[in-house]
Structures are given as structure tokens and as C-alpha cells.
Amino acid sequence: MYIAQEESFGPVMVISKFKNGDVDGVLRRANATEYGLASGVFTKDINKALYISEKLEAGTVFINTYNKTDVAAPFGGFKLSGFGKDLGKLSL
């Protein structure tokens, strides 16, 4: 879908179906974009959420929430979103 591959400044939430247990397929789909500013994971399984958040190519990964972060946390994006993490090699 076009909306799943664009960097929309919304808020916009894309919800798509996937086969039960196909976490790696979901990750491939989520990472198959030119952008990576932020993403979100909603699940009851915290181990699955942490696994997915480590594998997502996104600057910020929200788990079971949206836009809740600490101002001291590094901010930035991946790919064509921004210039990398704060104080990272690309941003400097």
C-alpha cells in the first residue's frame, strides 16, 4: 500500500493483517520502506515487542503507546528520515 511506504506526518496509523506467528514476515514488510522515523508495536507479549523493536529500522519504536518518550532519549531516524540519531556519526 502507498500509505505504508510513505512518510506521512499525521498522526497516521497503518494496520495490516499478517499470518499468526509470522513475525519475521512482518519485520520484512515494515522495513521495506525508504523511511524510518518512528514506528509502533502493539502486543500483549513483551518479549515479542522487544524482539521486534530491536529489528525495526526506525529511530523511535513505541510499544503499546504513541508519542510517549523522554526528552533525554536520543532522537532521530533511519534511511531517508532525518540524519541519524542525536550525536551519531551521521548527525555530526
PDB file of N, CA and C in Angstrom:
ATOM      1  N   MET A   1       0.829  -1.178   0.000  1.00  0.00           N
ATOM      2  CA  MET A   1       0.000   0.000   0.000  1.00  0.00           C
ATOM      3  C   MET A   1       0.879   1.248   0.000  1.00  0.00           C
ATOM      4  N   TYR A   2       0.437   2.249  -0.702  1.00  0.00           N
ATOM      5  CA  TYR A   2       1.165   3.515  -0.780  1.00  0.00           C
ATOM      6  C   TYR A   2       1.349   4.131   0.602  1.00  0.00           C
ATOM      7  N   ILE A   3       0.293   4.148   1.405  1.00  0.00           N
ATOM      8  CA  ILE A   3       0.365   4.785   2.723  1.00  0.00           C
ATOM      9  C   ILE A   3       1.356   4.082   3.645  1.00  0.00           C
ATOM     10  N   ALA A   4       1.576   2.814   3.446  1.00  0.00           N
ATOM     11  CA  ALA A   4       2.513   2.065   4.289  1.00  0.00           C
ATOM     12  C   ALA A   4       3.966   2.311   3.896  1.00  0.00           C
ATOM     13  N   GLN A   5       4.196   2.961   2.753  1.00  0.00           N
ATOM     14  CA  GLN A   5       5.556   3.207   2.299  1.00  0.00           C
ATOM     15  C   GLN A   5       5.929   4.681   2.287  1.00  0.00           C
ATOM     16  N   GLU A   6       5.005   5.563   2.608  1.00  0.00           N
ATOM     17  CA  GLU A   6       5.259   6.991   2.639  1.00  0.00           C
ATOM     18  C   GLU A   6       5.575   7.459   4.042  1.00  0.00           C
ATOM     19  N   GLU A   7       6.238   8.579   4.147  1.00  0.00           N
ATOM     20  CA  GLU A   7       6.497   9.180   5.449  1.00  0.00           C
ATOM     21  C   GLU A   7       5.431  10.245   5.687  1.00  0.00           C
ATOM     22  N   SER A   8       4.328   9.808   6.239  1.00  0.00           N
ATOM     23  CA  SER A   8       3.195  10.694   6.487  1.00  0.00           C
ATOM     24  C   SER A   8       3.358  11.363   7.834  1.00  0.00           C
ATOM     25  N   PHE A   9       3.137  12.657   7.863  1.00  0.00           N
ATOM     26  CA  PHE A   9       3.164  13.381   9.127  1.00  0.00           C
ATOM     27  C   PHE A   9       1.728  13.638   9.509  1.00  0.00           C
ATOM     28  N   GLY A  10       1.192  12.764  10.348  1.00  0.00           N
ATOM     29  CA  GLY A  10      -0.230  12.685  10.620  1.00  0.00           C
ATOM     30  C   GLY A  10      -0.681  13.284  11.913  1.00  0.00           C
ATOM     31  N   PRO A  11      -1.121  12.548  12.816  1.00  0.00           N
ATOM     32  CA  PRO A  11      -0.829  11.132  13.043  1.00  0.00           C
ATOM     33  C   PRO A  11      -1.579  10.209  12.084  1.00  0.00           C
ATOM     34  N   VAL A  12      -0.892   9.165  11.660  1.00  0.00           N
ATOM     35  CA  VAL A  12      -1.441   8.154  10.765  1.00  0.00           C
ATOM     36  C   VAL A  12      -1.063   6.796  11.325  1.00  0.00           C
ATOM     37  N   MET A  13      -2.016   5.883  11.360  1.00  0.00           N
ATOM     38  CA  MET A  13      -1.722   4.522  11.787  1.00  0.00           C
ATOM     39  C   MET A  13      -2.135   3.572  10.675  1.00  0.00           C
ATOM     40  N   VAL A  14      -1.207   2.757  10.234  1.00  0.00           N
ATOM     41  CA  VAL A  14      -1.494   1.744   9.231  1.00  0.00           C
ATOM     42  C   VAL A  14      -1.631   0.406   9.957  1.00  0.00           C
ATOM     43  N   ILE A  15      -2.746  -0.248   9.764  1.00  0.00           N
ATOM     44  CA  ILE A  15      -2.978  -1.557  10.356  1.00  0.00           C
ATOM     45  C   ILE A  15      -3.096  -2.554   9.213  1.00  0.00           C
ATOM     46  N   SER A  16      -2.270  -3.587   9.249  1.00  0.00           N
ATOM     47  CA  SER A  16      -2.315  -4.585   8.185  1.00  0.00           C
ATOM     48  C   SER A  16      -2.330  -5.979   8.796  1.00  0.00           C
ATOM     49  N   LYS A  17      -2.940  -6.899   8.081  1.00  0.00           N
ATOM     50  CA  LYS A  17      -3.040  -8.277   8.554  1.00  0.00           C
ATOM     51  C   LYS A  17      -1.749  -9.033   8.266  1.00  0.00           C
ATOM     52  N   PHE A  18      -1.514 -10.064   9.078  1.00  0.00           N
ATOM     53  CA  PHE A  18      -0.388 -10.958   8.832  1.00  0.00           C
ATOM     54  C   PHE A  18      -0.739 -12.317   9.409  1.00  0.00           C
ATOM     55  N   LYS A  19      -0.063 -13.320   8.902  1.00  0.00           N
ATOM     56  CA  LYS A  19      -0.304 -14.674   9.395  1.00  0.00           C
ATOM     57  C   LYS A  19       0.178 -14.807  10.821  1.00  0.00           C
ATOM     58  N   ASN A  20      -0.566 -15.522  11.632  1.00  0.00           N
ATOM     59  CA  ASN A  20      -0.224 -15.715  13.037  1.00  0.00           C
ATOM     60  C   ASN A  20       1.178 -16.308  13.162  1.00  0.00           C
ATOM     61  N   GLY A  21       2.021 -15.652  13.921  1.00  0.00           N
ATOM     62  CA  GLY A  21       3.371 -16.143  14.156  1.00  0.00           C
ATOM     63  C   GLY A  21       4.399 -15.699  13.134  1.00  0.00           C
ATOM     64  N   ASP A  22       3.999 -14.995  12.086  1.00  0.00           N
ATOM     65  CA  ASP A  22       4.925 -14.586  11.027  1.00  0.00           C
ATOM     66  C   ASP A  22       5.604 -13.258  11.375  1.00  0.00           C
ATOM     67  N   VAL A  23       6.324 -13.239  12.487  1.00  0.00           N
ATOM     68  CA  VAL A  23       6.972 -12.017  12.953  1.00  0.00           C
ATOM     69  C   VAL A  23       8.038 -11.555  11.968  1.00  0.00           C
ATOM     70  N   ASP A  24       8.822 -12.471  11.445  1.00  0.00           N
ATOM     71  CA  ASP A  24       9.873 -12.084  10.506  1.00  0.00           C
ATOM     72  C   ASP A  24       9.296 -11.528   9.211  1.00  0.00           C
ATOM     73  N   GLY A  25       8.147 -12.053   8.776  1.00  0.00           N
ATOM     74  CA  GLY A  25       7.476 -11.503   7.599  1.00  0.00           C
ATOM     75  C   GLY A  25       6.979 -10.089   7.851  1.00  0.00           C
ATOM     76  N   VAL A  26       6.471  -9.845   9.048  1.00  0.00           N
ATOM     77  CA  VAL A  26       6.026  -8.502   9.425  1.00  0.00           C
ATOM     78  C   VAL A  26       7.215  -7.544   9.434  1.00  0.00           C
ATOM     79  N   LEU A  27       8.335  -7.983   9.979  1.00  0.00           N
ATOM     80  CA  LEU A  27       9.534  -7.143  10.003  1.00  0.00           C
ATOM     81  C   LEU A  27      10.016  -6.814   8.598  1.00  0.00           C
ATOM     82  N   ARG A  28       9.993  -7.800   7.701  1.00  0.00           N
ATOM     83  CA  ARG A  28      10.403  -7.541   6.318  1.00  0.00           C
ATOM     84  C   ARG A  28       9.510  -6.478   5.691  1.00  0.00           C
ATOM     85  N   ARG A  29       8.205  -6.599   5.908  1.00  0.00           N
ATOM     86  CA  ARG A  29       7.272  -5.615   5.354  1.00  0.00           C
ATOM     87  C   ARG A  29       7.477  -4.239   5.972  1.00  0.00           C
ATOM     88  N   ALA A  30       7.677  -4.199   7.288  1.00  0.00           N
ATOM     89  CA  ALA A  30       7.850  -2.916   7.974  1.00  0.00           C
ATOM     90  C   ALA A  30       9.142  -2.228   7.552  1.00  0.00           C
ATOM     91  N   ASN A  31      10.184  -2.986   7.296  1.00  0.00           N
ATOM     92  CA  ASN A  31      11.476  -2.408   6.932  1.00  0.00           C
ATOM     93  C   ASN A  31      11.625  -2.164   5.436  1.00  0.00           C
ATOM     94  N   ALA A  32      10.653  -2.579   4.638  1.00  0.00           N
ATOM     95  CA  ALA A  32      10.723  -2.412   3.180  1.00  0.00           C
ATOM     96  C   ALA A  32      10.202  -1.040   2.769  1.00  0.00           C
ATOM     97  N   THR A  33      10.782  -0.015   3.335  1.00  0.00           N
ATOM     98  CA  THR A  33      10.415   1.357   3.013  1.00  0.00           C
ATOM     99  C   THR A  33      11.682   2.198   3.004  1.00  0.00           C
ATOM    100  N   GLU A  34      11.624   3.344   2.372  1.00  0.00           N
ATOM    101  CA  GLU A  34      12.778   4.230   2.318  1.00  0.00           C
ATOM    102  C   GLU A  34      12.923   5.067   3.582  1.00  0.00           C
ATOM    103  N   TYR A  35      11.936   5.008   4.458  1.00  0.00           N
ATOM    104  CA  TYR A  35      11.907   5.880   5.625  1.00  0.00           C
ATOM    105  C   TYR A  35      11.982   5.087   6.917  1.00  0.00           C
ATOM    106  N   GLY A  36      12.263   5.769   8.011  1.00  0.00           N
ATOM    107  CA  GLY A  36      12.338   5.087   9.296  1.00  0.00           C
ATOM    108  C   GLY A  36      12.416   6.049  10.462  1.00  0.00           C
ATOM    109  N   LEU A  37      11.470   6.974  10.550  1.00  0.00           N
ATOM    110  CA  LEU A  37      11.495   7.935  11.644  1.00  0.00           C
ATOM    111  C   LEU A  37      10.961   7.327  12.937  1.00  0.00           C
ATOM    112  N   ALA A  38       9.761   6.761  12.875  1.00  0.00           N
ATOM    113  CA  ALA A  38       9.158   6.188  14.080  1.00  0.00           C
ATOM    114  C   ALA A  38       8.264   5.017  13.694  1.00  0.00           C
ATOM    115  N   SER A  39       8.015   4.157  14.671  1.00  0.00           N
ATOM    116  CA  SER A  39       7.139   3.010  14.443  1.00  0.00           C
ATOM    117  C   SER A  39       6.506   2.627  15.771  1.00  0.00           C
ATOM    118  N   GLY A  40       5.556   1.718  15.709  1.00  0.00           N
ATOM    119  CA  GLY A  40       4.896   1.281  16.925  1.00  0.00           C
ATOM    120  C   GLY A  40       4.594  -0.200  16.889  1.00  0.00           C
ATOM    121  N   VAL A  41       4.644  -0.822  18.051  1.00  0.00           N
ATOM    122  CA  VAL A  41       4.345  -2.240  18.205  1.00  0.00           C
ATOM    123  C   VAL A  41       3.257  -2.360  19.271  1.00  0.00           C
ATOM    124  N   PHE A  42       2.189  -3.048  18.930  1.00  0.00           N
ATOM    125  CA  PHE A  42       1.116  -3.285  19.883  1.00  0.00           C
ATOM    126  C   PHE A  42       0.938  -4.786  20.047  1.00  0.00           C
ATOM    127  N   THR A  43       1.180  -5.296  21.255  1.00  0.00           N
ATOM    128  CA  THR A  43       1.081  -6.714  21.538  1.00  0.00           C
ATOM    129  C   THR A  43       0.969  -6.931  23.039  1.00  0.00           C
ATOM    130  N   LYS A  44       0.452  -8.086  23.407  1.00  0.00           N
ATOM    131  CA  LYS A  44       0.403  -8.473  24.819  1.00  0.00           C
ATOM    132  C   LYS A  44       1.704  -9.147  25.259  1.00  0.00           C
ATOM    133  N   ASP A  45       2.527  -9.550  24.307  1.00  0.00           N
ATOM    134  CA  ASP A  45       3.755 -10.307  24.573  1.00  0.00           C
ATOM    135  C   ASP A  45       4.953  -9.352  24.594  1.00  0.00           C
ATOM    136  N   ILE A  46       5.441  -9.003  25.777  1.00  0.00           N
ATOM    137  CA  ILE A  46       6.530  -8.034  25.886  1.00  0.00           C
ATOM    138  C   ILE A  46       7.823  -8.560  25.263  1.00  0.00           C
ATOM    139  N   ASN A  47       8.076  -9.852  25.329  1.00  0.00           N
ATOM    140  CA  ASN A  47       9.278 -10.406  24.694  1.00  0.00           C
ATOM    141  C   ASN A  47       9.223 -10.233  23.187  1.00  0.00           C
ATOM    142  N   LYS A  48       8.057 -10.447  22.605  1.00  0.00           N
ATOM    143  CA  LYS A  48       7.886 -10.251  21.169  1.00  0.00           C
ATOM    144  C   LYS A  48       8.050  -8.775  20.819  1.00  0.00           C
ATOM    145  N   ALA A  49       7.508  -7.883  21.638  1.00  0.00           N
ATOM    146  CA  ALA A  49       7.628  -6.445  21.399  1.00  0.00           C
ATOM    147  C   ALA A  49       9.086  -6.004  21.418  1.00  0.00           C
ATOM    148  N   LEU A  50       9.853  -6.499  22.383  1.00  0.00           N
ATOM    149  CA  LEU A  50      11.266  -6.136  22.468  1.00  0.00           C
ATOM    150  C   LEU A  50      12.057  -6.697  21.293  1.00  0.00           C
ATOM    151  N   TYR A  51      11.765  -7.934  20.890  1.00  0.00           N
ATOM    152  CA  TYR A  51      12.428  -8.530  19.727  1.00  0.00           C
ATOM    153  C   TYR A  51      12.166  -7.687  18.481  1.00  0.00           C
ATOM    154  N   ILE A  52      10.901  -7.342  18.267  1.00  0.00           N
ATOM    155  CA  ILE A  52      10.525  -6.566  17.082  1.00  0.00           C
ATOM    156  C   ILE A  52      11.157  -5.181  17.133  1.00  0.00           C
ATOM    157  N   SER A  53      11.130  -4.544  18.302  1.00  0.00           N
ATOM    158  CA  SER A  53      11.679  -3.192  18.395  1.00  0.00           C
ATOM    159  C   SER A  53      13.175  -3.158  18.087  1.00  0.00           C
ATOM    160  N   GLU A  54      13.891  -4.222  18.408  1.00  0.00           N
ATOM    161  CA  GLU A  54      15.318  -4.288  18.090  1.00  0.00           C
ATOM    162  C   GLU A  54      15.561  -4.457  16.595  1.00  0.00           C
ATOM    163  N   LYS A  55      14.648  -5.109  15.901  1.00  0.00           N
ATOM    164  CA  LYS A  55      14.828  -5.429  14.480  1.00  0.00           C
ATOM    165  C   LYS A  55      14.254  -4.366  13.549  1.00  0.00           C
ATOM    166  N   LEU A  56      13.379  -3.488  14.065  1.00  0.00           N
ATOM    167  CA  LEU A  56      12.791  -2.456  13.218  1.00  0.00           C
ATOM    168  C   LEU A  56      13.820  -1.393  12.877  1.00  0.00           C
ATOM    169  N   GLU A  57      13.830  -0.988  11.633  1.00  0.00           N
ATOM    170  CA  GLU A  57      14.740   0.064  11.177  1.00  0.00           C
ATOM    171  C   GLU A  57      14.022   1.396  11.321  1.00  0.00           C
ATOM    172  N   ALA A  58      13.898   1.846  12.571  1.00  0.00           N
ATOM    173  CA  ALA A  58      13.210   3.098  12.870  1.00  0.00           C
ATOM    174  C   ALA A  58      13.908   3.788  14.026  1.00  0.00           C
ATOM    175  N   GLY A  59      13.885   5.098  14.006  1.00  0.00           N
ATOM    176  CA  GLY A  59      14.549   5.864  15.051  1.00  0.00           C
ATOM    177  C   GLY A  59      13.901   5.706  16.403  1.00  0.00           C
ATOM    178  N   THR A  60      12.593   5.775  16.451  1.00  0.00           N
ATOM    179  CA  THR A  60      11.845   5.616  17.692  1.00  0.00           C
ATOM    180  C   THR A  60      10.853   4.484  17.498  1.00  0.00           C
ATOM    181  N   VAL A  61      10.791   3.582  18.468  1.00  0.00           N
ATOM    182  CA  VAL A  61       9.810   2.500  18.426  1.00  0.00           C
ATOM    183  C   VAL A  61       8.968   2.596  19.699  1.00  0.00           C
ATOM    184  N   PHE A  62       7.701   2.891  19.525  1.00  0.00           N
ATOM    185  CA  PHE A  62       6.784   2.954  20.656  1.00  0.00           C
ATOM    186  C   PHE A  62       6.187   1.568  20.876  1.00  0.00           C
ATOM    187  N   ILE A  63       6.057   1.155  22.131  1.00  0.00           N
ATOM    188  CA  ILE A  63       5.465  -0.138  22.462  1.00  0.00           C
ATOM    189  C   ILE A  63       4.187   0.096  23.246  1.00  0.00           C
ATOM    190  N   ASN A  64       3.075  -0.332  22.671  1.00  0.00           N
ATOM    191  CA  ASN A  64       1.749  -0.241  23.285  1.00  0.00           C
ATOM    192  C   ASN A  64       1.361   1.185  23.666  1.00  0.00           C
ATOM    193  N   THR A  65       1.926   2.158  22.984  1.00  0.00           N
ATOM    194  CA  THR A  65       1.596   3.560  23.203  1.00  0.00           C
ATOM    195  C   THR A  65       2.046   4.356  21.988  1.00  0.00           C
ATOM    196  N   TYR A  66       1.793   5.646  22.009  1.00  0.00           N
ATOM    197  CA  TYR A  66       2.263   6.512  20.931  1.00  0.00           C
ATOM    198  C   TYR A  66       2.719   7.838  21.529  1.00  0.00           C
ATOM    199  N   ASN A  67       3.844   8.313  21.077  1.00  0.00           N
ATOM    200  CA  ASN A  67       4.362   9.634  21.397  1.00  0.00           C
ATOM    201  C   ASN A  67       4.668   9.821  22.885  1.00  0.00           C
ATOM    202  N   LYS A  68       5.004   8.746  23.573  1.00  0.00           N
ATOM    203  CA  LYS A  68       5.430   8.840  24.965  1.00  0.00           C
ATOM    204  C   LYS A  68       6.930   8.577  24.992  1.00  0.00           C
ATOM    205  N   THR A  69       7.692   9.587  25.281  1.00  0.00           N
ATOM    206  CA  THR A  69       9.137   9.451  25.275  1.00  0.00           C
ATOM    207  C   THR A  69       9.745  10.414  26.285  1.00  0.00           C
ATOM    208  N   ASP A  70      10.990  10.269  26.541  1.00  0.00           N
ATOM    209  CA  ASP A  70      11.720  11.140  27.447  1.00  0.00           C
ATOM    210  C   ASP A  70      12.525  12.125  26.608  1.00  0.00           C
ATOM    211  N   VAL A  71      12.537  13.387  26.998  1.00  0.00           N
ATOM    212  CA  VAL A  71      13.272  14.391  26.217  1.00  0.00           C
ATOM    213  C   VAL A  71      14.772  14.121  26.204  1.00  0.00           C
ATOM    214  N   ALA A  72      15.256  13.325  27.145  1.00  0.00           N
ATOM    215  CA  ALA A  72      16.683  13.000  27.187  1.00  0.00           C
ATOM    216  C   ALA A  72      17.041  11.814  26.294  1.00  0.00           C
ATOM    217  N   ALA A  73      16.036  11.121  25.765  1.00  0.00           N
ATOM    218  CA  ALA A  73      16.298   9.960  24.911  1.00  0.00           C
ATOM    219  C   ALA A  73      16.790  10.430  23.545  1.00  0.00           C
ATOM    220  N   PRO A  74      17.732   9.699  22.950  1.00  0.00           N
ATOM    221  CA  PRO A  74      18.208  10.067  21.610  1.00  0.00           C
ATOM    222  C   PRO A  74      17.058  10.065  20.610  1.00  0.00           C
ATOM    223  N   PHE A  75      17.074  11.013  19.714  1.00  0.00           N
ATOM    224  CA  PHE A  75      16.023  11.135  18.715  1.00  0.00           C
ATOM    225  C   PHE A  75      16.662  11.148  17.339  1.00  0.00           C
ATOM    226  N   GLY A  76      15.981  10.590  16.372  1.00  0.00           N
ATOM    227  CA  GLY A  76      16.469  10.621  15.010  1.00  0.00           C
ATOM    228  C   GLY A  76      15.824   9.531  14.205  1.00  0.00           C
ATOM    229  N   GLY A  77      16.217   9.441  12.960  1.00  0.00           N
ATOM    230  CA  GLY A  77      15.612   8.474  12.071  1.00  0.00           C
ATOM    231  C   GLY A  77      16.631   7.611  11.370  1.00  0.00           C
ATOM    232  N   PHE A  78      16.116   6.705  10.571  1.00  0.00           N
ATOM    233  CA  PHE A  78      16.919   5.825   9.739  1.00  0.00           C
ATOM    234  C   PHE A  78      16.603   6.127   8.281  1.00  0.00           C
ATOM    235  N   LYS A  79      17.466   5.708   7.405  1.00  0.00           N
ATOM    236  CA  LYS A  79      17.277   5.800   5.962  1.00  0.00           C
ATOM    237  C   LYS A  79      17.074   7.261   5.565  1.00  0.00           C
ATOM    238  N   LEU A  80      15.995   7.578   4.831  1.00  0.00           N
ATOM    239  CA  LEU A  80      15.766   8.941   4.358  1.00  0.00           C
ATOM    240  C   LEU A  80      15.086   9.831   5.399  1.00  0.00           C
ATOM    241  N   SER A  81      14.888   9.331   6.600  1.00  0.00           N
ATOM    242  CA  SER A  81      14.255  10.108   7.669  1.00  0.00           C
ATOM    243  C   SER A  81      15.315  10.749   8.549  1.00  0.00           C
ATOM    244  N   GLY A  82      15.557  12.009   8.345  1.00  0.00           N
ATOM    245  CA  GLY A  82      16.492  12.732   9.198  1.00  0.00           C
ATOM    246  C   GLY A  82      17.937  12.413   8.899  1.00  0.00           C
ATOM    247  N   PHE A  83      18.774  12.639   9.894  1.00  0.00           N
ATOM    248  CA  PHE A  83      20.220  12.500   9.738  1.00  0.00           C
ATOM    249  C   PHE A  83      20.816  11.520  10.730  1.00  0.00           C
ATOM    250  N   GLY A  84      20.064  10.528  11.140  1.00  0.00           N
ATOM    251  CA  GLY A  84      20.563   9.573  12.121  1.00  0.00           C
ATOM    252  C   GLY A  84      20.234  10.009  13.530  1.00  0.00           C
ATOM    253  N   LYS A  85      20.704   9.261  14.501  1.00  0.00           N
ATOM    254  CA  LYS A  85      20.430   9.550  15.917  1.00  0.00           C
ATOM    255  C   LYS A  85      21.201  10.774  16.374  1.00  0.00           C
ATOM    256  N   ASP A  86      20.663  11.464  17.408  1.00  0.00           N
ATOM    257  CA  ASP A  86      21.370  12.576  18.014  1.00  0.00           C
ATOM    258  C   ASP A  86      22.778  12.149  18.400  1.00  0.00           C
ATOM    259  N   LEU A  87      23.725  12.958  18.068  1.00  0.00           N
ATOM    260  CA  LEU A  87      25.143  12.730  18.380  1.00  0.00           C
ATOM    261  C   LEU A  87      25.715  11.499  17.696  1.00  0.00           C
ATOM    262  N   GLY A  88      24.988  10.934  16.757  1.00  0.00           N
ATOM    263  CA  GLY A  88      25.507   9.827  15.980  1.00  0.00           C
ATOM    264  C   GLY A  88      26.406  10.325  14.867  1.00  0.00           C
ATOM    265  N   LYS A  89      27.118   9.431  14.225  1.00  0.00           N
ATOM    266  CA  LYS A  89      28.072   9.793  13.182  1.00  0.00           C
ATOM    267  C   LYS A  89      27.412  10.593  12.058  1.00  0.00           C
ATOM    268  N   LEU A  90      26.218  10.165  11.612  1.00  0.00           N
ATOM    269  CA  LEU A  90      25.558  10.864  10.516  1.00  0.00           C
ATOM    270  C   LEU A  90      25.070  12.251  10.909  1.00  0.00           C
ATOM    271  N   SER A  91      24.623  12.416  12.145  1.00  0.00           N
ATOM    272  CA  SER A  91      24.114  13.725  12.547  1.00  0.00           C
ATOM    273  C   SER A  91      25.240  14.724  12.802  1.00  0.00           C
ATOM    274  N   LEU A  92      26.402  14.225  13.218  1.00  0.00           N
ATOM    275  CA  LEU A  92      27.538  15.128  13.445  1.00  0.00           C
ATOM    276  C   LEU A  92      28.149  15.534  12.115  1.00  0.00           C
TER     277      LEU A  92
END
